Protein backbone atom coordinates (compact mmCIF):
# COMPACT_ATOMS: atom_id res chain seq x y z
CA MET A 1 42.04 -98.78 2.77
CA SER A 2 45.05 -96.46 3.03
CA ASN A 3 44.12 -94.85 -0.31
CA LEU A 4 40.57 -94.29 0.91
CA LEU A 5 41.88 -92.79 4.15
CA HIS A 6 44.18 -90.49 2.17
CA PHE A 7 41.27 -89.40 -0.05
CA PHE A 8 39.06 -88.43 2.88
CA ASN A 9 41.98 -86.68 4.59
CA VAL A 10 42.35 -84.55 1.48
CA VAL A 11 38.60 -83.84 1.44
CA ASP A 12 38.69 -82.98 5.15
CA SER A 13 41.57 -80.55 4.62
CA PHE A 14 39.64 -78.95 1.77
CA VAL A 15 36.38 -78.65 3.71
CA TRP A 16 38.14 -77.09 6.71
CA GLY A 17 40.44 -75.09 4.44
CA PRO A 18 40.55 -71.35 3.70
CA PRO A 19 37.20 -71.14 1.77
CA LEU A 20 35.06 -72.36 4.69
CA LEU A 21 37.10 -70.47 7.30
CA ILE A 22 36.79 -67.27 5.27
CA LEU A 23 33.04 -67.85 4.94
CA LEU A 24 32.68 -68.50 8.68
CA VAL A 25 34.70 -65.49 9.81
CA GLY A 26 33.40 -63.37 6.92
CA THR A 27 29.81 -63.98 8.02
CA GLY A 28 30.77 -62.94 11.55
CA ILE A 29 32.45 -59.76 10.27
CA TYR A 30 29.42 -58.93 8.10
CA LEU A 31 26.98 -59.41 10.98
CA THR A 32 29.26 -57.48 13.36
CA LEU A 33 29.21 -54.47 11.05
CA ARG A 34 25.47 -54.70 10.36
CA LEU A 35 24.70 -55.03 14.07
CA GLY A 36 27.01 -52.17 15.08
CA LEU A 37 29.49 -54.09 17.27
CA LEU A 38 26.64 -55.59 19.26
CA GLN A 39 28.94 -58.19 20.86
CA ILE A 40 30.83 -55.37 22.61
CA LEU A 41 28.11 -52.82 23.31
CA LYS A 42 25.45 -55.30 24.42
CA LEU A 43 27.61 -57.91 26.17
CA PRO A 44 26.98 -56.49 29.67
CA LEU A 45 23.22 -56.63 28.99
CA ALA A 46 23.52 -60.18 27.65
CA ILE A 47 25.35 -61.35 30.78
CA LYS A 48 22.77 -59.55 32.94
CA TYR A 49 19.98 -61.45 31.13
CA ILE A 50 21.58 -64.78 32.07
CA PHE A 51 21.24 -64.09 35.77
CA THR A 52 17.99 -62.10 35.91
CA LYS A 53 14.42 -63.30 35.61
CA ASP A 54 12.48 -62.28 32.51
CA GLU A 55 9.51 -60.43 33.98
CA SER A 56 7.56 -60.70 30.72
CA LEU A 57 7.25 -64.50 31.05
CA THR A 58 3.87 -66.03 31.87
CA GLU A 59 2.51 -69.58 32.12
CA GLU A 60 1.49 -69.27 28.47
CA SER A 61 4.98 -68.27 27.26
CA GLU A 62 6.37 -70.80 24.80
CA GLY A 63 9.44 -72.87 25.59
CA ASP A 64 10.51 -76.04 27.38
CA VAL A 65 13.31 -74.85 29.67
CA SER A 66 14.67 -71.58 31.05
CA SER A 67 17.00 -69.43 28.94
CA PHE A 68 19.82 -70.26 31.35
CA ALA A 69 19.12 -74.00 31.01
CA ALA A 70 19.08 -73.67 27.21
CA LEU A 71 22.42 -71.85 27.34
CA CYS A 72 23.89 -74.55 29.61
CA THR A 73 22.63 -77.25 27.22
CA ALA A 74 24.37 -75.49 24.33
CA LEU A 75 27.52 -74.97 26.42
CA SER A 76 27.46 -78.64 27.46
CA ALA A 77 28.07 -79.54 23.82
CA THR A 78 30.30 -76.56 23.04
CA ILE A 79 32.68 -76.72 26.00
CA GLY A 80 34.35 -80.03 25.25
CA THR A 81 37.66 -81.68 24.54
CA GLY A 82 38.34 -78.87 22.05
CA ASN A 83 38.96 -76.51 24.96
CA ILE A 84 41.77 -78.74 26.24
CA VAL A 85 42.95 -80.79 23.25
CA GLY A 86 41.91 -78.40 20.45
CA VAL A 87 43.76 -75.40 21.85
CA ALA A 88 46.91 -77.49 22.31
CA THR A 89 46.57 -78.77 18.73
CA ALA A 90 46.23 -75.22 17.40
CA VAL A 91 49.23 -73.90 19.34
CA LYS A 92 51.31 -76.94 18.35
CA ALA A 93 50.56 -76.40 14.66
CA GLY A 94 50.54 -72.61 14.51
CA GLY A 95 52.60 -71.45 17.48
CA PRO A 96 51.48 -68.99 20.18
CA GLY A 97 50.03 -66.70 17.50
CA ALA A 98 47.26 -69.24 16.90
CA LEU A 99 45.67 -68.11 20.18
CA PHE A 100 45.35 -64.54 18.86
CA TRP A 101 43.50 -65.77 15.77
CA MET A 102 41.33 -67.92 18.02
CA TRP A 103 40.32 -64.69 19.78
CA ILE A 104 39.48 -63.12 16.41
CA ALA A 105 37.32 -66.13 15.49
CA GLY A 106 35.61 -65.94 18.89
CA PHE A 107 34.99 -62.18 18.68
CA PHE A 108 33.28 -62.27 15.29
CA GLY A 109 31.71 -65.63 16.15
CA MET A 110 29.74 -63.90 18.91
CA ALA A 111 27.78 -61.94 16.29
CA THR A 112 27.15 -65.15 14.36
CA LYS A 113 25.96 -66.96 17.49
CA TYR A 114 23.63 -64.04 18.28
CA ALA A 115 22.00 -64.28 14.85
CA GLU A 116 21.67 -68.07 15.18
CA GLY A 117 19.94 -67.82 18.57
CA LEU A 118 17.60 -65.08 17.36
CA LEU A 119 16.52 -66.98 14.25
CA ALA A 120 16.16 -70.25 16.19
CA VAL A 121 13.51 -68.71 18.46
CA LYS A 122 11.80 -66.71 15.71
CA TYR A 123 11.21 -69.73 13.47
CA ARG A 124 10.75 -72.49 16.05
CA VAL A 125 7.66 -74.70 16.04
CA LYS A 126 5.82 -76.89 18.54
CA ASP A 127 6.02 -80.60 17.68
CA GLU A 128 3.41 -83.31 18.15
CA ASN A 129 4.70 -83.97 21.68
CA GLY A 130 4.08 -80.34 22.61
CA GLN A 131 7.82 -79.53 22.77
CA MET A 132 9.69 -76.79 20.92
CA SER A 133 11.75 -77.69 17.86
CA GLY A 134 14.01 -75.23 16.13
CA GLY A 135 17.41 -74.58 14.66
CA PRO A 136 18.88 -74.09 11.19
CA MET A 137 16.63 -76.71 9.54
CA TYR A 138 13.57 -74.68 10.56
CA TYR A 139 14.82 -71.20 9.74
CA ILE A 140 16.24 -72.48 6.45
CA GLU A 141 12.85 -73.95 5.50
CA LYS A 142 10.51 -71.32 6.99
CA GLY A 143 12.75 -68.27 6.53
CA LEU A 144 14.61 -69.00 3.29
CA GLY A 145 11.91 -71.28 1.92
CA ASN A 146 14.45 -73.94 0.98
CA LYS A 147 13.45 -77.38 2.28
CA PHE A 148 16.24 -79.16 0.39
CA LEU A 149 19.01 -77.23 2.20
CA ALA A 150 17.18 -77.77 5.49
CA LYS A 151 17.17 -81.54 4.99
CA ILE A 152 20.85 -81.51 4.01
CA PHE A 153 21.68 -79.72 7.26
CA ALA A 154 19.61 -82.21 9.30
CA ILE A 155 21.30 -85.21 7.65
CA PHE A 156 24.75 -83.80 8.42
CA GLY A 157 23.61 -83.07 11.99
CA VAL A 158 22.56 -86.68 12.64
CA ALA A 159 25.80 -87.96 11.07
CA VAL A 160 27.97 -85.77 13.31
CA ALA A 161 25.98 -86.75 16.42
CA PHE A 162 26.24 -90.47 15.64
CA PHE A 163 29.80 -90.77 14.40
CA GLY A 164 31.75 -87.74 15.52
CA MET A 165 31.29 -85.03 18.10
CA GLY A 166 28.66 -86.90 20.10
CA THR A 167 29.92 -90.43 20.54
CA PHE A 168 33.22 -92.01 19.49
CA THR A 169 35.70 -89.17 20.13
CA GLN A 170 34.16 -88.22 23.49
CA VAL A 171 33.85 -91.80 24.78
CA ASN A 172 37.45 -92.53 23.76
CA ALA A 173 38.63 -89.38 25.55
CA ILE A 174 36.82 -90.38 28.76
CA THR A 175 37.86 -94.05 28.81
CA GLN A 176 41.50 -93.33 28.02
CA ALA A 177 41.73 -90.53 30.59
CA ALA A 178 40.15 -92.74 33.28
CA LYS A 179 42.51 -95.61 32.44
CA ILE A 180 45.69 -93.53 32.43
CA SER A 181 44.97 -91.41 35.52
CA PHE A 182 42.85 -93.69 37.69
CA ASN A 183 43.67 -97.14 36.23
CA ILE A 184 39.96 -97.87 35.66
CA PRO A 185 39.42 -100.60 33.01
CA VAL A 186 37.91 -99.36 29.74
CA VAL A 187 34.98 -101.79 30.03
CA ILE A 188 33.98 -100.47 33.47
CA THR A 189 34.16 -96.82 32.35
CA THR A 190 32.17 -97.60 29.21
CA ILE A 191 29.38 -99.31 31.18
CA ILE A 192 29.15 -96.36 33.59
CA ILE A 193 29.05 -93.80 30.73
CA THR A 194 26.43 -95.77 28.81
CA VAL A 195 24.14 -96.13 31.83
CA LEU A 196 24.46 -92.45 32.74
CA VAL A 197 23.87 -91.30 29.16
CA ALA A 198 20.79 -93.55 28.86
CA MET A 199 19.36 -92.28 32.16
CA VAL A 200 19.76 -88.63 31.17
CA THR A 201 19.00 -88.64 27.43
CA LEU A 202 15.87 -90.81 27.59
CA GLY A 203 14.36 -88.10 29.79
CA GLY A 204 14.49 -85.57 26.95
CA ILE A 205 15.47 -81.88 26.95
CA LYS A 206 14.27 -81.22 30.52
CA SER A 207 16.46 -84.02 31.88
CA ILE A 208 19.45 -83.02 29.74
CA SER A 209 19.14 -79.33 30.64
CA ALA A 210 18.73 -80.15 34.35
CA VAL A 211 22.05 -82.03 34.32
CA ALA A 212 23.69 -79.34 32.16
CA GLU A 213 22.53 -76.58 34.55
CA ARG A 214 24.41 -78.27 37.38
CA LEU A 215 27.48 -79.63 35.60
CA VAL A 216 28.37 -76.81 33.20
CA PRO A 217 28.85 -74.00 35.76
CA PHE A 218 30.75 -76.41 38.04
CA MET A 219 33.09 -77.82 35.39
CA ALA A 220 33.77 -74.42 33.80
CA GLY A 221 34.36 -72.80 37.20
CA PHE A 222 36.66 -75.62 38.32
CA TYR A 223 38.79 -75.39 35.17
CA ILE A 224 38.91 -71.57 35.16
CA LEU A 225 39.91 -71.47 38.84
CA SER A 226 42.70 -74.01 38.25
CA SER A 227 44.00 -72.10 35.22
CA THR A 228 43.76 -68.75 37.03
CA THR A 229 45.83 -70.17 39.90
CA ILE A 230 48.65 -70.99 37.47
CA LEU A 231 48.45 -67.51 35.90
CA VAL A 232 48.50 -65.81 39.31
CA LEU A 233 51.46 -67.89 40.49
CA ASN A 234 53.32 -66.87 37.33
CA ALA A 235 51.90 -63.33 37.02
CA LYS A 236 55.31 -61.80 36.25
CA LEU A 237 55.45 -63.86 33.03
CA LEU A 238 52.01 -62.74 31.79
CA PRO A 239 53.07 -59.53 29.96
CA GLU A 240 55.83 -61.42 28.14
CA THR A 241 53.38 -64.25 27.30
CA ILE A 242 50.73 -61.93 25.85
CA SER A 243 53.41 -60.03 23.91
CA LEU A 244 54.66 -63.32 22.40
CA ILE A 245 51.13 -64.35 21.40
CA ILE A 246 50.43 -61.05 19.61
CA LYS A 247 53.88 -60.90 18.01
CA SER A 248 53.64 -64.51 16.79
CA ALA A 249 50.27 -63.80 15.18
CA PHE A 250 51.95 -61.52 12.64
CA THR A 251 55.48 -62.92 12.40
CA PRO A 252 56.66 -66.50 11.79
CA SER A 253 57.44 -68.48 14.96
CA ALA A 254 60.96 -69.77 15.28
CA ALA A 255 61.62 -73.47 15.82
CA PHE A 256 62.48 -74.50 19.39
CA GLY A 257 62.53 -77.85 21.16
CA GLY A 258 59.74 -80.05 19.85
CA PHE A 259 58.18 -77.16 17.89
CA LEU A 260 58.91 -77.06 14.17
CA GLY A 261 58.14 -73.39 13.62
CA ALA A 262 55.05 -71.88 11.99
CA THR A 263 54.20 -69.32 9.34
CA VAL A 264 51.72 -66.51 9.91
CA MET A 265 49.24 -68.28 7.62
CA LYS A 266 49.54 -71.50 9.62
CA ALA A 267 48.98 -69.62 12.88
CA MET A 268 45.93 -67.93 11.38
CA GLN A 269 44.45 -71.11 9.91
CA SER A 270 45.09 -73.20 13.04
CA GLY A 271 43.70 -70.57 15.41
CA ILE A 272 40.56 -69.81 13.40
CA ALA A 273 39.83 -73.47 12.58
CA ARG A 274 40.22 -74.65 16.18
CA GLY A 275 38.39 -71.58 17.50
CA VAL A 276 35.37 -72.24 15.28
CA PHE A 277 35.55 -75.96 16.05
CA SER A 278 35.49 -75.19 19.77
CA ASN A 279 32.78 -72.51 19.98
CA GLU A 280 30.73 -73.89 17.02
CA SER A 281 29.68 -70.39 15.92
CA GLY A 282 28.27 -70.71 12.41
CA LEU A 283 28.07 -74.50 12.46
CA GLY A 284 24.38 -74.37 13.40
CA SER A 285 24.40 -76.71 16.41
CA ALA A 286 23.86 -74.32 19.35
CA PRO A 287 20.64 -72.71 17.98
CA ILE A 288 18.94 -76.11 18.25
CA ALA A 289 19.24 -75.81 22.04
CA ALA A 290 18.38 -72.09 22.00
CA ALA A 291 15.02 -72.89 20.39
CA ALA A 292 13.93 -74.75 23.54
CA ALA A 293 14.26 -71.65 25.74
CA LYS A 294 11.17 -70.30 27.49
CA THR A 295 11.17 -66.73 26.18
CA ASN A 296 8.96 -64.13 24.55
CA SER A 297 11.81 -62.43 22.71
CA CYS A 298 14.04 -63.87 20.01
CA VAL A 299 16.48 -60.96 20.51
CA ARG A 300 16.82 -61.59 24.24
CA GLN A 301 17.62 -65.26 23.58
CA GLY A 302 20.03 -64.26 20.82
CA LEU A 303 21.95 -62.13 23.32
CA ILE A 304 22.07 -64.99 25.84
CA SER A 305 23.22 -67.42 23.13
CA MET A 306 25.98 -64.98 22.18
CA THR A 307 27.56 -65.33 25.62
CA GLY A 308 28.20 -69.02 24.86
CA THR A 309 30.99 -68.11 22.44
CA PHE A 310 32.34 -65.55 24.91
CA PHE A 311 32.58 -68.10 27.72
CA ASP A 312 33.92 -70.89 25.49
CA THR A 313 36.59 -69.09 23.48
CA ILE A 314 37.33 -65.72 25.03
CA ILE A 315 37.52 -67.17 28.55
CA ILE A 316 38.11 -70.96 28.65
CA CYS A 317 40.19 -71.40 25.48
CA THR A 318 42.19 -68.31 26.49
CA MET A 319 42.91 -69.86 29.88
CA THR A 320 44.24 -73.04 28.27
CA GLY A 321 46.27 -71.10 25.69
CA LEU A 322 47.87 -68.76 28.22
CA VAL A 323 48.87 -71.69 30.44
CA LEU A 324 50.38 -73.54 27.46
CA VAL A 325 52.48 -70.55 26.36
CA LEU A 326 53.35 -69.29 29.85
CA THR A 327 54.70 -72.69 30.99
CA ASP A 328 56.48 -73.16 27.64
CA ALA A 329 54.64 -76.48 27.16
CA TRP A 330 53.92 -75.47 23.54
CA ASN A 331 57.64 -75.84 22.89
CA SER A 332 57.79 -79.44 24.11
CA ASP A 333 57.58 -82.75 22.27
CA PHE A 334 54.04 -83.27 23.61
CA SER A 335 50.82 -82.64 21.71
CA GLY A 336 47.09 -82.60 22.42
CA ALA A 337 45.96 -83.55 25.94
CA ALA A 338 49.52 -84.58 26.86
CA MET A 339 50.73 -81.02 26.18
CA THR A 340 48.00 -79.50 28.37
CA THR A 341 48.76 -82.04 31.11
CA SER A 342 52.45 -81.13 30.92
CA ALA A 343 51.55 -77.44 31.25
CA PHE A 344 49.38 -77.97 34.34
CA LYS A 345 52.00 -80.27 35.85
CA SER A 346 54.65 -77.60 35.38
CA GLY A 347 52.52 -74.62 36.36
CA LEU A 348 50.65 -76.07 39.32
CA SER A 349 51.93 -79.37 40.68
CA PRO A 350 53.33 -82.65 39.29
CA VAL A 351 50.72 -84.47 41.38
CA ILE A 352 47.62 -82.25 41.17
CA GLY A 353 48.12 -80.87 37.64
CA PRO A 354 47.45 -84.06 35.66
CA TYR A 355 44.31 -84.82 37.70
CA ILE A 356 42.86 -81.38 36.95
CA VAL A 357 43.25 -81.93 33.20
CA THR A 358 41.81 -85.45 33.51
CA ILE A 359 38.79 -84.30 35.54
CA GLY A 360 38.27 -81.46 33.07
CA LEU A 361 38.35 -83.90 30.16
CA LEU A 362 35.92 -86.28 31.88
CA PHE A 363 33.31 -83.59 32.53
CA PHE A 364 33.80 -81.75 29.25
CA ALA A 365 33.52 -84.93 27.18
CA PHE A 366 30.53 -86.32 29.11
CA THR A 367 28.46 -83.16 28.77
CA THR A 368 29.33 -82.99 25.07
CA ILE A 369 27.78 -86.46 24.66
CA LEU A 370 24.56 -85.17 26.27
CA GLY A 371 24.40 -81.96 24.25
CA TRP A 372 25.03 -83.61 20.91
CA ASN A 373 22.44 -86.27 21.68
CA TYR A 374 19.84 -83.48 21.78
CA TYR A 375 21.15 -81.83 18.60
CA GLY A 376 21.00 -85.10 16.67
CA GLU A 377 17.58 -85.91 18.13
CA LYS A 378 16.08 -82.68 16.80
CA CYS A 379 17.68 -83.23 13.38
CA ALA A 380 16.25 -86.77 13.32
CA GLU A 381 12.83 -85.43 14.33
CA TYR A 382 12.94 -82.90 11.48
CA LEU A 383 13.66 -85.69 8.98
CA LEU A 384 11.37 -88.45 10.35
CA GLY A 385 8.90 -86.74 12.68
CA VAL A 386 8.46 -87.53 16.40
CA LYS A 387 8.32 -91.26 15.59
CA GLY A 388 12.03 -91.08 14.78
CA ILE A 389 13.05 -89.81 18.23
CA LYS A 390 13.08 -93.10 20.18
CA PRO A 391 14.92 -95.16 17.51
CA TYR A 392 17.46 -92.33 17.25
CA LYS A 393 18.06 -92.34 21.02
CA TYR A 394 18.50 -96.13 21.17
CA ILE A 395 21.01 -96.08 18.30
CA TYR A 396 22.87 -93.21 19.97
CA ILE A 397 23.15 -95.12 23.27
CA VAL A 398 24.42 -98.24 21.45
CA LEU A 399 27.06 -96.15 19.65
CA VAL A 400 28.17 -94.68 22.99
CA ALA A 401 28.56 -98.24 24.32
CA CYS A 402 30.65 -99.23 21.27
CA GLY A 403 32.70 -96.04 21.08
CA ALA A 404 35.59 -97.05 23.30
CA PHE A 405 36.26 -100.25 21.35
CA LEU A 406 36.24 -98.79 17.84
CA LYS A 407 39.36 -97.43 16.21
CA LEU A 408 37.57 -96.15 13.16
CA GLU A 409 39.83 -93.35 11.98
CA LEU A 410 37.98 -93.17 8.66
CA ILE A 411 34.60 -92.59 10.35
CA TRP A 412 36.09 -89.81 12.48
CA ILE A 413 37.43 -88.06 9.39
CA ILE A 414 34.08 -88.42 7.60
CA ALA A 415 32.32 -87.02 10.69
CA ASP A 416 34.73 -84.07 10.71
CA ILE A 417 33.80 -83.46 7.08
CA PHE A 418 30.08 -83.56 7.92
CA ASN A 419 30.72 -81.17 10.79
CA GLY A 420 32.22 -78.65 8.39
CA LEU A 421 29.51 -79.22 5.79
CA MET A 422 26.82 -78.45 8.41
CA ALA A 423 28.04 -74.87 8.35
CA ILE A 424 27.40 -74.23 4.65
CA PRO A 425 23.56 -74.32 4.58
CA ASN A 426 23.52 -72.55 7.97
CA LEU A 427 25.75 -69.70 6.79
CA ILE A 428 23.68 -69.31 3.62
CA ALA A 429 20.63 -68.88 5.85
CA LEU A 430 22.36 -66.42 8.20
CA ILE A 431 23.40 -64.19 5.30
CA GLY A 432 20.05 -64.53 3.53
CA LEU A 433 18.06 -63.79 6.70
CA SER A 434 20.36 -61.03 8.00
CA PRO A 435 17.81 -58.28 7.14
CA ILE A 436 15.36 -59.98 9.51
CA VAL A 437 18.03 -60.20 12.21
CA ILE A 438 18.75 -56.46 11.79
CA THR A 439 15.06 -55.51 11.82
CA GLU A 440 14.26 -57.59 14.92
CA THR A 441 17.30 -56.17 16.73
CA LYS A 442 16.49 -52.54 15.96
CA GLN A 443 12.84 -52.99 16.93
CA TYR A 444 13.74 -54.67 20.24
CA PHE A 445 16.17 -51.98 21.36
CA GLU A 446 13.87 -49.16 20.29
CA GLU A 447 11.09 -50.71 22.39
CA LEU A 448 13.53 -51.27 25.29
CA LYS A 449 14.62 -47.62 25.14
CA LEU A 450 10.99 -46.51 25.15
CA LYS A 451 10.22 -48.72 28.17
CA ILE A 452 13.18 -47.30 30.10
CA LYS A 453 12.15 -43.73 29.19
CA THR A 454 8.53 -44.34 30.22
CA LYS A 455 9.60 -45.93 33.51
CA THR A 456 11.94 -43.03 34.26
CA GLU A 457 9.24 -40.45 33.53
CA PHE A 458 6.76 -42.37 35.72
CA ASN A 459 9.21 -42.50 38.65
CA THR A 460 9.99 -38.79 38.22
CA THR A 461 6.27 -37.95 38.29
CA ILE A 462 5.79 -39.93 41.50
């Protein structure tokens, strides 16, 4: 068993090694250049779209939920334990400089997420139940014309939902956090999670998005407010903290306390890997939710999808990272959630701090279970048709119920491998379909400019 575990650890390190990270970031750089820094120039418009009604929508417009609900569904899966545990893991392995490289991954990942959202809407279809289905499997098949790669993506998607991101790791995070902080028995927490997940997921995308719409803004706002409080209370240390992060990104970190020191390459690899793992740009998961949006424009939805990476990495991961470095928790003997808890305890309060991290973990992990249920469901539907949806949901709920009692390290590693492998067919599609992304983008903004000009001329005439 130990030999098998070692083998898959080696495979996992290879899959998430430099080749895939270069491909992920490289695709983002390529799309950034082709789209003319769209993630900077059009970010204000993208954020505006989140909070304004699309006047072009009618009763006949295709889609199952609002664009905001689709974004919240994607964020429910994206904003997870990676924002608390993943950032701490990156900083522990690569030093403060890892946060800088996480920003780089997030910046270029915004262009990737834009392309994913655009293609998801452009190539989506209506299934036999009258609901929208889309994502990489559809734009790989319909856009690239490669059904084999589409099926490979869908198989990896179901595997990750069942054995990785969706069930075991999240359920374990919730049950352990509840036991440590509130002394709630694992069995009780598991029963509550299972019942809640069943109630929400059996209702389909409308039920999932309705919960996501309420929970995601609350949980993100709660965590950001708590982190901001620490930064404000220690404002005088912020310039020094940011300077250390940038300096450490290009020079080796010295060894202090529980930190062993890190090379520039380790900071880069840790930051990019954890950044991509957190915001999921390029992995192909978020566009599955984007395809459900009620919209008449694939570009508009692409812009809204792009903000998901901005909120996840540029804002929430940054908050965690700054708190870790500012409080010097990165230099301690702690790691993962314990390191983040130590930082909040030091920066805020020994009593309140740990509860904030615990509550954050509970909400982040629970919504990730909901989001990944939907991702896996759509992958299962692509492979088996609508008849595969109910069996998939029942299996998913059973796995959630079992998650807290399984210590299957091997399955987690295999799921991590599948998670990385999901990206390969998706990235091939993004590069192959980039001319379509460019064409759709140019056409949209030319038409938008014409509309604004016509409206201005009309108002001037009046």
